[in-house]
Amino acid sequence: MRIWLIGAGSVGTATLRQLQKNPDITVIVSDASDNPLAVREGLIDGVDYVSSVNSANINQLARRIRPDLILLSPPEGGVGLGALEGGQALAQALNYEISTRSTYPVIVLSLSNTR
């Protein structure tokens, strides 16, 4: 199975740890940063695609990556929105928009995945 993990912060890193237990799963990692938590913790040498993913480019990138499944991790701190009133709700809405626009199956990961 080929999985595209979007976001390698705390939730993405916790998810990646689990996915790496199965050698039959290939994980392609993208993140807006070239040095996210998964890299700093040594889980991966680097991200495969340094890119911000949004509802306008999700399908273009997915056609290049060809995943069987997309896992969309919530951004660290809501991409700077966490301190704003309603910032987390906005970040969730943006993830929902990405998942509805995608022609590939998407699962939006939750902060509860890190516990």
PDB file of N, CA and C in Angstrom:
ATOM      1  N   MET A   1       0.835  -1.177   0.000  1.00  0.00           N
ATOM      2  CA  MET A   1       0.000   0.000   0.000  1.00  0.00           C
ATOM      3  C   MET A   1       0.882   1.243   0.000  1.00  0.00           C
ATOM      4  N   ARG A   2       0.468   2.222  -0.734  1.00  0.00           N
ATOM      5  CA  ARG A   2       1.211   3.471  -0.873  1.00  0.00           C
ATOM      6  C   ARG A   2       0.412   4.582  -0.185  1.00  0.00           C
ATOM      7  N   ILE A   3       0.974   5.146   0.884  1.00  0.00           N
ATOM      8  CA  ILE A   3       0.284   6.167   1.665  1.00  0.00           C
ATOM      9  C   ILE A   3       1.047   7.479   1.576  1.00  0.00           C
ATOM     10  N   TRP A   4       0.295   8.536   1.312  1.00  0.00           N
ATOM     11  CA  TRP A   4       0.860   9.883   1.314  1.00  0.00           C
ATOM     12  C   TRP A   4       0.489  10.525   2.642  1.00  0.00           C
ATOM     13  N   LEU A   5       1.485  10.789   3.462  1.00  0.00           N
ATOM     14  CA  LEU A   5       1.293  11.453   4.742  1.00  0.00           C
ATOM     15  C   LEU A   5       1.605  12.927   4.563  1.00  0.00           C
ATOM     16  N   ILE A   6       0.586  13.755   4.722  1.00  0.00           N
ATOM     17  CA  ILE A   6       0.756  15.202   4.602  1.00  0.00           C
ATOM     18  C   ILE A   6       0.895  15.762   6.007  1.00  0.00           C
ATOM     19  N   GLY A   7       2.085  16.220   6.322  1.00  0.00           N
ATOM     20  CA  GLY A   7       2.363  16.795   7.632  1.00  0.00           C
ATOM     21  C   GLY A   7       3.179  15.844   8.488  1.00  0.00           C
ATOM     22  N   ALA A   8       4.353  16.288   8.897  1.00  0.00           N
ATOM     23  CA  ALA A   8       5.249  15.448   9.693  1.00  0.00           C
ATOM     24  C   ALA A   8       5.567  16.100  11.028  1.00  0.00           C
ATOM     25  N   GLY A   9       4.556  16.781  11.599  1.00  0.00           N
ATOM     26  CA  GLY A   9       4.686  17.351  12.936  1.00  0.00           C
ATOM     27  C   GLY A   9       4.399  16.275  13.969  1.00  0.00           C
ATOM     28  N   SER A  10       3.845  16.656  15.107  1.00  0.00           N
ATOM     29  CA  SER A  10       3.653  15.682  16.190  1.00  0.00           C
ATOM     30  C   SER A  10       2.658  14.583  15.817  1.00  0.00           C
ATOM     31  N   VAL A  11       1.536  14.921  15.221  1.00  0.00           N
ATOM     32  CA  VAL A  11       0.555  13.904  14.840  1.00  0.00           C
ATOM     33  C   VAL A  11       1.082  13.062  13.688  1.00  0.00           C
ATOM     34  N   GLY A  12       1.671  13.703  12.689  1.00  0.00           N
ATOM     35  CA  GLY A  12       2.239  12.976  11.559  1.00  0.00           C
ATOM     36  C   GLY A  12       3.366  12.055  11.982  1.00  0.00           C
ATOM     37  N   THR A  13       4.185  12.506  12.930  1.00  0.00           N
ATOM     38  CA  THR A  13       5.295  11.688  13.423  1.00  0.00           C
ATOM     39  C   THR A  13       4.777  10.466  14.165  1.00  0.00           C
ATOM     40  N   ALA A  14       3.764  10.649  15.009  1.00  0.00           N
ATOM     41  CA  ALA A  14       3.170   9.519  15.729  1.00  0.00           C
ATOM     42  C   ALA A  14       2.559   8.522  14.743  1.00  0.00           C
ATOM     43  N   THR A  15       1.927   9.028  13.710  1.00  0.00           N
ATOM     44  CA  THR A  15       1.328   8.172  12.683  1.00  0.00           C
ATOM     45  C   THR A  15       2.409   7.432  11.909  1.00  0.00           C
ATOM     46  N   LEU A  16       3.459   8.136  11.547  1.00  0.00           N
ATOM     47  CA  LEU A  16       4.570   7.543  10.800  1.00  0.00           C
ATOM     48  C   LEU A  16       5.213   6.405  11.581  1.00  0.00           C
ATOM     49  N   ARG A  17       5.368   6.580  12.899  1.00  0.00           N
ATOM     50  CA  ARG A  17       5.935   5.507  13.726  1.00  0.00           C
ATOM     51  C   ARG A  17       5.125   4.217  13.591  1.00  0.00           C
ATOM     52  N   GLN A  18       3.816   4.355  13.556  1.00  0.00           N
ATOM     53  CA  GLN A  18       2.958   3.176  13.435  1.00  0.00           C
ATOM     54  C   GLN A  18       3.039   2.572  12.033  1.00  0.00           C
ATOM     55  N   LEU A  19       3.015   3.419  11.013  1.00  0.00           N
ATOM     56  CA  LEU A  19       3.056   2.939   9.633  1.00  0.00           C
ATOM     57  C   LEU A  19       4.357   2.210   9.325  1.00  0.00           C
ATOM     58  N   GLN A  20       5.455   2.663   9.923  1.00  0.00           N
ATOM     59  CA  GLN A  20       6.754   2.046   9.663  1.00  0.00           C
ATOM     60  C   GLN A  20       6.867   0.635  10.230  1.00  0.00           C
ATOM     61  N   LYS A  21       5.915   0.215  11.049  1.00  0.00           N
ATOM     62  CA  LYS A  21       5.914  -1.142  11.585  1.00  0.00           C
ATOM     63  C   LYS A  21       5.549  -2.173  10.520  1.00  0.00           C
ATOM     64  N   ASN A  22       4.940  -1.724   9.428  1.00  0.00           N
ATOM     65  CA  ASN A  22       4.520  -2.628   8.360  1.00  0.00           C
ATOM     66  C   ASN A  22       5.407  -2.409   7.142  1.00  0.00           C
ATOM     67  N   PRO A  23       6.280  -3.359   6.825  1.00  0.00           N
ATOM     68  CA  PRO A  23       7.191  -3.183   5.696  1.00  0.00           C
ATOM     69  C   PRO A  23       6.485  -3.172   4.338  1.00  0.00           C
ATOM     70  N   ASP A  24       5.218  -3.574   4.295  1.00  0.00           N
ATOM     71  CA  ASP A  24       4.474  -3.573   3.042  1.00  0.00           C
ATOM     72  C   ASP A  24       3.848  -2.216   2.733  1.00  0.00           C
ATOM     73  N   ILE A  25       4.014  -1.258   3.641  1.00  0.00           N
ATOM     74  CA  ILE A  25       3.469   0.082   3.429  1.00  0.00           C
ATOM     75  C   ILE A  25       4.600   1.007   3.013  1.00  0.00           C
ATOM     76  N   THR A  26       4.406   1.688   1.900  1.00  0.00           N
ATOM     77  CA  THR A  26       5.330   2.727   1.462  1.00  0.00           C
ATOM     78  C   THR A  26       4.713   4.060   1.845  1.00  0.00           C
ATOM     79  N   VAL A  27       5.473   4.870   2.586  1.00  0.00           N
ATOM     80  CA  VAL A  27       4.964   6.163   3.030  1.00  0.00           C
ATOM     81  C   VAL A  27       5.738   7.265   2.322  1.00  0.00           C
ATOM     82  N   ILE A  28       5.002   8.128   1.651  1.00  0.00           N
ATOM     83  CA  ILE A  28       5.552   9.317   1.024  1.00  0.00           C
ATOM     84  C   ILE A  28       5.166  10.471   1.932  1.00  0.00           C
ATOM     85  N   VAL A  29       6.138  11.242   2.367  1.00  0.00           N
ATOM     86  CA  VAL A  29       5.883  12.306   3.346  1.00  0.00           C
ATOM     87  C   VAL A  29       6.064  13.665   2.694  1.00  0.00           C
ATOM     88  N   SER A  30       5.073  14.525   2.913  1.00  0.00           N
ATOM     89  CA  SER A  30       5.226  15.916   2.496  1.00  0.00           C
ATOM     90  C   SER A  30       4.961  16.810   3.695  1.00  0.00           C
ATOM     91  N   ASP A  31       5.621  17.940   3.685  1.00  0.00           N
ATOM     92  CA  ASP A  31       5.464  18.932   4.748  1.00  0.00           C
ATOM     93  C   ASP A  31       5.865  20.281   4.179  1.00  0.00           C
ATOM     94  N   ALA A  32       5.323  21.333   4.753  1.00  0.00           N
ATOM     95  CA  ALA A  32       5.674  22.677   4.302  1.00  0.00           C
ATOM     96  C   ALA A  32       7.106  23.034   4.694  1.00  0.00           C
ATOM     97  N   SER A  33       7.648  22.314   5.677  1.00  0.00           N
ATOM     98  CA  SER A  33       9.014  22.553   6.152  1.00  0.00           C
ATOM     99  C   SER A  33       9.921  21.416   5.691  1.00  0.00           C
ATOM    100  N   ASP A  34      11.187  21.730   5.471  1.00  0.00           N
ATOM    101  CA  ASP A  34      12.130  20.660   5.121  1.00  0.00           C
ATOM    102  C   ASP A  34      12.731  20.011   6.366  1.00  0.00           C
ATOM    103  N   ASN A  35      12.356  20.516   7.564  1.00  0.00           N
ATOM    104  CA  ASN A  35      12.908  19.983   8.805  1.00  0.00           C
ATOM    105  C   ASN A  35      11.818  19.810   9.870  1.00  0.00           C
ATOM    106  N   PRO A  36      10.757  19.055   9.546  1.00  0.00           N
ATOM    107  CA  PRO A  36       9.693  18.858  10.531  1.00  0.00           C
ATOM    108  C   PRO A  36      10.142  17.887  11.632  1.00  0.00           C
ATOM    109  N   LEU A  37       9.294  17.689  12.608  1.00  0.00           N
ATOM    110  CA  LEU A  37       9.597  16.844  13.762  1.00  0.00           C
ATOM    111  C   LEU A  37      10.060  15.448  13.361  1.00  0.00           C
ATOM    112  N   ALA A  38       9.433  14.823  12.381  1.00  0.00           N
ATOM    113  CA  ALA A  38       9.813  13.465  11.968  1.00  0.00           C
ATOM    114  C   ALA A  38      11.269  13.407  11.495  1.00  0.00           C
ATOM    115  N   VAL A  39      11.756  14.467  10.891  1.00  0.00           N
ATOM    116  CA  VAL A  39      13.155  14.538  10.465  1.00  0.00           C
ATOM    117  C   VAL A  39      14.041  14.785  11.686  1.00  0.00           C
ATOM    118  N   ARG A  40      13.656  15.728  12.513  1.00  0.00           N
ATOM    119  CA  ARG A  40      14.460  16.048  13.700  1.00  0.00           C
ATOM    120  C   ARG A  40      14.586  14.860  14.646  1.00  0.00           C
ATOM    121  N   GLU A  41      13.557  14.010  14.690  1.00  0.00           N
ATOM    122  CA  GLU A  41      13.612  12.823  15.553  1.00  0.00           C
ATOM    123  C   GLU A  41      14.252  11.622  14.863  1.00  0.00           C
ATOM    124  N   GLY A  42      14.643  11.775  13.606  1.00  0.00           N
ATOM    125  CA  GLY A  42      15.354  10.714  12.899  1.00  0.00           C
ATOM    126  C   GLY A  42      14.474   9.605  12.337  1.00  0.00           C
ATOM    127  N   LEU A  43      13.164   9.801  12.307  1.00  0.00           N
ATOM    128  CA  LEU A  43      12.279   8.788  11.724  1.00  0.00           C
ATOM    129  C   LEU A  43      12.459   8.705  10.218  1.00  0.00           C
ATOM    130  N   ILE A  44      12.714   9.835   9.604  1.00  0.00           N
ATOM    131  CA  ILE A  44      12.977   9.891   8.165  1.00  0.00           C
ATOM    132  C   ILE A  44      14.179  10.801   7.946  1.00  0.00           C
ATOM    133  N   ASP A  45      14.880  10.569   6.853  1.00  0.00           N
ATOM    134  CA  ASP A  45      16.039  11.407   6.531  1.00  0.00           C
ATOM    135  C   ASP A  45      15.622  12.785   6.051  1.00  0.00           C
ATOM    136  N   GLY A  46      14.486  12.848   5.384  1.00  0.00           N
ATOM    137  CA  GLY A  46      13.972  14.113   4.860  1.00  0.00           C
ATOM    138  C   GLY A  46      12.587  13.881   4.292  1.00  0.00           C
ATOM    139  N   VAL A  47      11.878  14.960   4.055  1.00  0.00           N
ATOM    140  CA  VAL A  47      10.553  14.827   3.452  1.00  0.00           C
ATOM    141  C   VAL A  47      10.714  14.591   1.957  1.00  0.00           C
ATOM    142  N   ASP A  48       9.767  13.879   1.385  1.00  0.00           N
ATOM    143  CA  ASP A  48       9.816  13.580  -0.047  1.00  0.00           C
ATOM    144  C   ASP A  48       9.404  14.795  -0.877  1.00  0.00           C
ATOM    145  N   TYR A  49       8.450  15.563  -0.358  1.00  0.00           N
ATOM    146  CA  TYR A  49       7.960  16.763  -1.040  1.00  0.00           C
ATOM    147  C   TYR A  49       7.842  17.887  -0.028  1.00  0.00           C
ATOM    148  N   VAL A  50       8.617  18.947  -0.217  1.00  0.00           N
ATOM    149  CA  VAL A  50       8.474  20.141   0.610  1.00  0.00           C
ATOM    150  C   VAL A  50       7.482  21.025  -0.116  1.00  0.00           C
ATOM    151  N   SER A  51       6.257  21.041   0.419  1.00  0.00           N
ATOM    152  CA  SER A  51       5.197  21.756  -0.264  1.00  0.00           C
ATOM    153  C   SER A  51       4.044  22.019   0.688  1.00  0.00           C
ATOM    154  N   SER A  52       3.419  23.171   0.539  1.00  0.00           N
ATOM    155  CA  SER A  52       2.160  23.423   1.228  1.00  0.00           C
ATOM    156  C   SER A  52       1.066  22.808   0.375  1.00  0.00           C
ATOM    157  N   VAL A  53       0.234  22.005   0.995  1.00  0.00           N
ATOM    158  CA  VAL A  53      -0.851  21.349   0.284  1.00  0.00           C
ATOM    159  C   VAL A  53      -2.139  22.078   0.621  1.00  0.00           C
ATOM    160  N   ASN A  54      -2.912  22.358  -0.408  1.00  0.00           N
ATOM    161  CA  ASN A  54      -4.185  23.044  -0.198  1.00  0.00           C
ATOM    162  C   ASN A  54      -5.220  22.470  -1.155  1.00  0.00           C
ATOM    163  N   SER A  55      -6.433  22.985  -1.051  1.00  0.00           N
ATOM    164  CA  SER A  55      -7.515  22.429  -1.876  1.00  0.00           C
ATOM    165  C   SER A  55      -7.301  22.687  -3.363  1.00  0.00           C
ATOM    166  N   ALA A  56      -6.495  23.676  -3.711  1.00  0.00           N
ATOM    167  CA  ALA A  56      -6.248  23.985  -5.120  1.00  0.00           C
ATOM    168  C   ALA A  56      -5.203  23.066  -5.745  1.00  0.00           C
ATOM    169  N   ASN A  57      -4.252  22.536  -4.938  1.00  0.00           N
ATOM    170  CA  ASN A  57      -3.182  21.726  -5.532  1.00  0.00           C
ATOM    171  C   ASN A  57      -3.177  20.264  -5.101  1.00  0.00           C
ATOM    172  N   ILE A  58      -4.121  19.850  -4.272  1.00  0.00           N
ATOM    173  CA  ILE A  58      -4.122  18.475  -3.752  1.00  0.00           C
ATOM    174  C   ILE A  58      -4.135  17.435  -4.871  1.00  0.00           C
ATOM    175  N   ASN A  59      -4.976  17.616  -5.873  1.00  0.00           N
ATOM    176  CA  ASN A  59      -5.082  16.593  -6.923  1.00  0.00           C
ATOM    177  C   ASN A  59      -3.882  16.593  -7.855  1.00  0.00           C
ATOM    178  N   GLN A  60      -3.338  17.755  -8.128  1.00  0.00           N
ATOM    179  CA  GLN A  60      -2.141  17.834  -8.970  1.00  0.00           C
ATOM    180  C   GLN A  60      -0.983  17.086  -8.300  1.00  0.00           C
ATOM    181  N   LEU A  61      -0.776  17.322  -7.000  1.00  0.00           N
ATOM    182  CA  LEU A  61       0.288  16.622  -6.283  1.00  0.00           C
ATOM    183  C   LEU A  61      -0.006  15.131  -6.176  1.00  0.00           C
ATOM    184  N   ALA A  62      -1.263  14.788  -5.916  1.00  0.00           N
ATOM    185  CA  ALA A  62      -1.628  13.373  -5.770  1.00  0.00           C
ATOM    186  C   ALA A  62      -1.415  12.596  -7.069  1.00  0.00           C
ATOM    187  N   ARG A  63      -1.676  13.223  -8.192  1.00  0.00           N
ATOM    188  CA  ARG A  63      -1.435  12.533  -9.467  1.00  0.00           C
ATOM    189  C   ARG A  63       0.050  12.213  -9.630  1.00  0.00           C
ATOM    190  N   ARG A  64       0.912  13.076  -9.122  1.00  0.00           N
ATOM    191  CA  ARG A  64       2.354  12.830  -9.185  1.00  0.00           C
ATOM    192  C   ARG A  64       2.770  11.722  -8.208  1.00  0.00           C
ATOM    193  N   ILE A  65       2.180  11.727  -7.011  1.00  0.00           N
ATOM    194  CA  ILE A  65       2.560  10.803  -5.948  1.00  0.00           C
ATOM    195  C   ILE A  65       1.889   9.441  -6.096  1.00  0.00           C
ATOM    196  N   ARG A  66       0.662   9.417  -6.622  1.00  0.00           N
ATOM    197  CA  ARG A  66      -0.121   8.203  -6.850  1.00  0.00           C
ATOM    198  C   ARG A  66      -0.357   7.382  -5.580  1.00  0.00           C
ATOM    199  N   PRO A  67      -0.938   8.001  -4.549  1.00  0.00           N
ATOM    200  CA  PRO A  67      -1.179   7.245  -3.319  1.00  0.00           C
ATOM    201  C   PRO A  67      -2.434   6.391  -3.408  1.00  0.00           C
ATOM    202  N   ASP A  68      -2.455   5.327  -2.619  1.00  0.00           N
ATOM    203  CA  ASP A  68      -3.688   4.563  -2.424  1.00  0.00           C
ATOM    204  C   ASP A  68      -4.563   5.261  -1.386  1.00  0.00           C
ATOM    205  N   LEU A  69      -3.913   5.986  -0.483  1.00  0.00           N
ATOM    206  CA  LEU A  69      -4.602   6.663   0.602  1.00  0.00           C
ATOM    207  C   LEU A  69      -3.794   7.886   1.005  1.00  0.00           C
ATOM    208  N   ILE A  70      -4.495   8.961   1.354  1.00  0.00           N
ATOM    209  CA  ILE A  70      -3.856  10.179   1.856  1.00  0.00           C
ATOM    210  C   ILE A  70      -4.228  10.336   3.321  1.00  0.00           C
ATOM    211  N   LEU A  71      -3.222  10.530   4.170  1.00  0.00           N
ATOM    212  CA  LEU A  71      -3.442  10.855   5.575  1.00  0.00           C
ATOM    213  C   LEU A  71      -3.065  12.311   5.766  1.00  0.00           C
ATOM    214  N   LEU A  72      -4.009  13.098   6.219  1.00  0.00           N
ATOM    215  CA  LEU A  72      -3.829  14.540   6.366  1.00  0.00           C
ATOM    216  C   LEU A  72      -3.698  14.866   7.847  1.00  0.00           C
ATOM    217  N   SER A  73      -2.505  15.265   8.239  1.00  0.00           N
ATOM    218  CA  SER A  73      -2.216  15.556   9.637  1.00  0.00           C
ATOM    219  C   SER A  73      -2.549  17.009   9.951  1.00  0.00           C
ATOM    220  N   PRO A  74      -3.101  17.263  11.146  1.00  0.00           N
ATOM    221  CA  PRO A  74      -3.357  18.660  11.494  1.00  0.00           C
ATOM    222  C   PRO A  74      -2.031  19.396  11.634  1.00  0.00           C
ATOM    223  N   PRO A  75      -1.985  20.639  11.182  1.00  0.00           N
ATOM    224  CA  PRO A  75      -0.731  21.397  11.266  1.00  0.00           C
ATOM    225  C   PRO A  75      -0.366  21.706  12.712  1.00  0.00           C
ATOM    226  N   GLU A  76       0.935  21.807  12.949  1.00  0.00           N
ATOM    227  CA  GLU A  76       1.419  22.178  14.277  1.00  0.00           C
ATOM    228  C   GLU A  76       0.852  23.539  14.659  1.00  0.00           C
ATOM    229  N   GLY A  77       0.150  23.595  15.757  1.00  0.00           N
ATOM    230  CA  GLY A  77      -0.388  24.877  16.234  1.00  0.00           C
ATOM    231  C   GLY A  77      -1.394  25.492  15.282  1.00  0.00           C
ATOM    232  N   GLY A  78      -1.985  24.718  14.403  1.00  0.00           N
ATOM    233  CA  GLY A  78      -2.967  25.274  13.477  1.00  0.00           C
ATOM    234  C   GLY A  78      -2.375  26.274  12.516  1.00  0.00           C
ATOM    235  N   VAL A  79      -1.127  26.075  12.091  1.00  0.00           N
ATOM    236  CA  VAL A  79      -0.395  26.980  11.198  1.00  0.00           C
ATOM    237  C   VAL A  79      -0.439  28.401  11.753  1.00  0.00           C
ATOM    238  N   GLY A  80      -0.116  28.524  13.019  1.00  0.00           N
ATOM    239  CA  GLY A  80      -0.099  29.840  13.634  1.00  0.00           C
ATOM    240  C   GLY A  80      -1.475  30.365  13.973  1.00  0.00           C
ATOM    241  N   LEU A  81      -2.496  29.540  13.767  1.00  0.00           N
ATOM    242  CA  LEU A  81      -3.860  29.974  14.031  1.00  0.00           C
ATOM    243  C   LEU A  81      -4.312  29.597  15.430  1.00  0.00           C
ATOM    244  N   GLY A  82      -3.546  28.768  16.131  1.00  0.00           N
ATOM    245  CA  GLY A  82      -3.955  28.261  17.430  1.00  0.00           C
ATOM    246  C   GLY A  82      -4.189  29.342  18.464  1.00  0.00           C
ATOM    247  N   ALA A  83      -3.445  30.441  18.375  1.00  0.00           N
ATOM    248  CA  ALA A  83      -3.594  31.516  19.352  1.00  0.00           C
ATOM    249  C   ALA A  83      -4.800  32.404  19.047  1.00  0.00           C
ATOM    250  N   LEU A  84      -5.309  32.329  17.848  1.00  0.00           N
ATOM    251  CA  LEU A  84      -6.467  33.132  17.473  1.00  0.00           C
ATOM    252  C   LEU A  84      -7.754  32.475  17.939  1.00  0.00           C
ATOM    253  N   GLU A  85      -8.716  33.278  18.319  1.00  0.00           N
ATOM    254  CA  GLU A  85     -10.010  32.720  18.658  1.00  0.00           C
ATOM    255  C   GLU A  85     -10.584  32.050  17.411  1.00  0.00           C
ATOM    256  N   GLY A  86     -10.936  30.802  17.530  1.00  0.00           N
ATOM    257  CA  GLY A  86     -11.459  30.045  16.394  1.00  0.00           C
ATOM    258  C   GLY A  86     -10.386  29.529  15.458  1.00  0.00           C
ATOM    259  N   GLY A  87      -9.117  29.684  15.824  1.00  0.00           N
ATOM    260  CA  GLY A  87      -8.018  29.257  14.952  1.00  0.00           C
ATOM    261  C   GLY A  87      -8.021  27.773  14.669  1.00  0.00           C
ATOM    262  N   GLN A  88      -8.270  26.959  15.690  1.00  0.00           N
ATOM    263  CA  GLN A  88      -8.313  25.511  15.477  1.00  0.00           C
ATOM    264  C   GLN A  88      -9.482  25.128  14.584  1.00  0.00           C
ATOM    265  N   ALA A  89     -10.615  25.821  14.762  1.00  0.00           N
ATOM    266  CA  ALA A  89     -11.779  25.537  13.908  1.00  0.00           C
ATOM    267  C   ALA A  89     -11.469  25.871  12.459  1.00  0.00           C
ATOM    268  N   LEU A  90     -10.751  26.968  12.240  1.00  0.00           N
ATOM    269  CA  LEU A  90     -10.363  27.341  10.877  1.00  0.00           C
ATOM    270  C   LEU A  90      -9.421  26.306  10.285  1.00  0.00           C
ATOM    271  N   ALA A  91      -8.440  25.853  11.063  1.00  0.00           N
ATOM    272  CA  ALA A  91      -7.507  24.830  10.581  1.00  0.00           C
ATOM    273  C   ALA A  91      -8.256  23.548  10.228  1.00  0.00           C
ATOM    274  N   GLN A  92      -9.228  23.167  11.041  1.00  0.00           N
ATOM    275  CA  GLN A  92     -10.026  21.973  10.746  1.00  0.00           C
ATOM    276  C   GLN A  92     -10.845  22.168   9.472  1.00  0.00           C
ATOM    277  N   ALA A  93     -11.382  23.367   9.295  1.00  0.00           N
ATOM    278  CA  ALA A  93     -12.172  23.648   8.090  1.00  0.00           C
ATOM    279  C   ALA A  93     -11.301  23.577   6.840  1.00  0.00           C
ATOM    280  N   LEU A  94     -10.068  24.063   6.932  1.00  0.00           N
ATOM    281  CA  LEU A  94      -9.152  23.991   5.789  1.00  0.00           C
ATOM    282  C   LEU A  94      -8.827  22.535   5.455  1.00  0.00           C
ATOM    283  N   ASN A  95      -8.607  21.705   6.473  1.00  0.00           N
ATOM    284  CA  ASN A  95      -8.362  20.276   6.232  1.00  0.00           C
ATOM    285  C   ASN A  95      -9.580  19.607   5.617  1.00  0.00           C
ATOM    286  N   TYR A  96     -10.771  19.981   6.081  1.00  0.00           N
ATOM    287  CA  TYR A  96     -11.999  19.427   5.514  1.00  0.00           C
ATOM    288  C   TYR A  96     -12.119  19.810   4.038  1.00  0.00           C
ATOM    289  N   GLU A  97     -11.794  21.052   3.718  1.00  0.00           N
ATOM    290  CA  GLU A  97     -11.853  21.521   2.326  1.00  0.00           C
ATOM    291  C   GLU A  97     -10.893  20.721   1.447  1.00  0.00           C
ATOM    292  N   ILE A  98      -9.691  20.477   1.933  1.00  0.00           N
ATOM    293  CA  ILE A  98      -8.726  19.672   1.183  1.00  0.00           C
ATOM    294  C   ILE A  98      -9.277  18.270   0.948  1.00  0.00           C
ATOM    295  N   SER A  99      -9.841  17.668   1.996  1.00  0.00           N
ATOM    296  CA  SER A  99     -10.322  16.286   1.860  1.00  0.00           C
ATOM    297  C   SER A  99     -11.520  16.184   0.919  1.00  0.00           C
ATOM    298  N   THR A 100     -12.380  17.189   0.899  1.00  0.00           N
ATOM    299  CA  THR A 100     -13.538  17.116   0.001  1.00  0.00           C
ATOM    300  C   THR A 100     -13.151  17.377  -1.446  1.00  0.00           C
ATOM    301  N   ARG A 101     -12.112  18.143  -1.677  1.00  0.00           N
ATOM    302  CA  ARG A 101     -11.660  18.425  -3.047  1.00  0.00           C
ATOM    303  C   ARG A 101     -10.842  17.298  -3.649  1.00  0.00           C
ATOM    304  N   SER A 102     -10.262  16.473  -2.806  1.00  0.00           N
ATOM    305  CA  SER A 102      -9.402  15.401  -3.292  1.00  0.00           C
ATOM    306  C   SER A 102     -10.218  14.333  -4.006  1.00  0.00           C
ATOM    307  N   THR A 103      -9.675  13.860  -5.118  1.00  0.00           N
ATOM    308  CA  THR A 103     -10.298  12.733  -5.814  1.00  0.00           C
ATOM    309  C   THR A 103      -9.733  11.402  -5.301  1.00  0.00           C
ATOM    310  N   TYR A 104      -8.784  11.470  -4.388  1.00  0.00           N
ATOM    311  CA  TYR A 104      -8.190  10.303  -3.745  1.00  0.00           C
ATOM    312  C   TYR A 104      -8.770  10.189  -2.338  1.00  0.00           C
ATOM    313  N   PRO A 105      -8.827   8.986  -1.758  1.00  0.00           N
ATOM    314  CA  PRO A 105      -9.351   8.854  -0.399  1.00  0.00           C
ATOM    315  C   PRO A 105      -8.441   9.562   0.613  1.00  0.00           C
ATOM    316  N   VAL A 106      -9.076  10.330   1.488  1.00  0.00           N
ATOM    317  CA  VAL A 106      -8.349  11.107   2.497  1.00  0.00           C
ATOM    318  C   VAL A 106      -8.922  10.797   3.875  1.00  0.00           C
ATOM    319  N   ILE A 107      -8.047  10.570   4.825  1.00  0.00           N
ATOM    320  CA  ILE A 107      -8.425  10.491   6.229  1.00  0.00           C
ATOM    321  C   ILE A 107      -7.735  11.651   6.928  1.00  0.00           C
ATOM    322  N   VAL A 108      -8.524  12.477   7.595  1.00  0.00           N
ATOM    323  CA  VAL A 108      -7.976  13.601   8.358  1.00  0.00           C
ATOM    324  C   VAL A 108      -7.644  13.083   9.748  1.00  0.00           C
ATOM    325  N   LEU A 109      -6.380  13.168  10.115  1.00  0.00           N
ATOM    326  CA  LEU A 109      -5.939  12.690  11.417  1.00  0.00           C
ATOM    327  C   LEU A 109      -6.319  13.694  12.505  1.00  0.00           C
ATOM    328  N   SER A 110      -6.384  13.207  13.719  1.00  0.00           N
ATOM    329  CA  SER A 110      -6.797  14.025  14.861  1.00  0.00           C
ATOM    330  C   SER A 110      -5.649  14.190  15.831  1.00  0.00           C
ATOM    331  N   LEU A 111      -5.701  15.248  16.627  1.00  0.00           N
ATOM    332  CA  LEU A 111      -4.708  15.435  17.678  1.00  0.00           C
ATOM    333  C   LEU A 111      -4.721  14.273  18.654  1.00  0.00           C
ATOM    334  N   SER A 112      -5.833  13.575  18.764  1.00  0.00           N
ATOM    335  CA  SER A 112      -5.916  12.442  19.688  1.00  0.00           C
ATOM    336  C   SER A 112      -5.036  11.277  19.228  1.00  0.00           C
ATOM    337  N   ASN A 113      -4.560  11.300  17.980  1.00  0.00           N
ATOM    338  CA  ASN A 113      -3.677  10.242  17.487  1.00  0.00           C
ATOM    339  C   ASN A 113      -2.318  10.247  18.176  1.00  0.00           C
ATOM    340  N   THR A 114      -1.956  11.332  18.861  1.00  0.00           N
ATOM    341  CA  THR A 114      -0.656  11.402  19.504  1.00  0.00           C
ATOM    342  C   THR A 114      -0.684  10.855  20.924  1.00  0.00           C
ATOM    343  N   ARG A 115      -1.831  10.524  21.427  1.00  0.00           N
ATOM    344  CA  ARG A 115      -1.939  10.058  22.822  1.00  0.00           C
ATOM    345  C   ARG A 115      -1.867   8.557  22.891  1.00  0.00           C
TER     346      ARG A 115
END
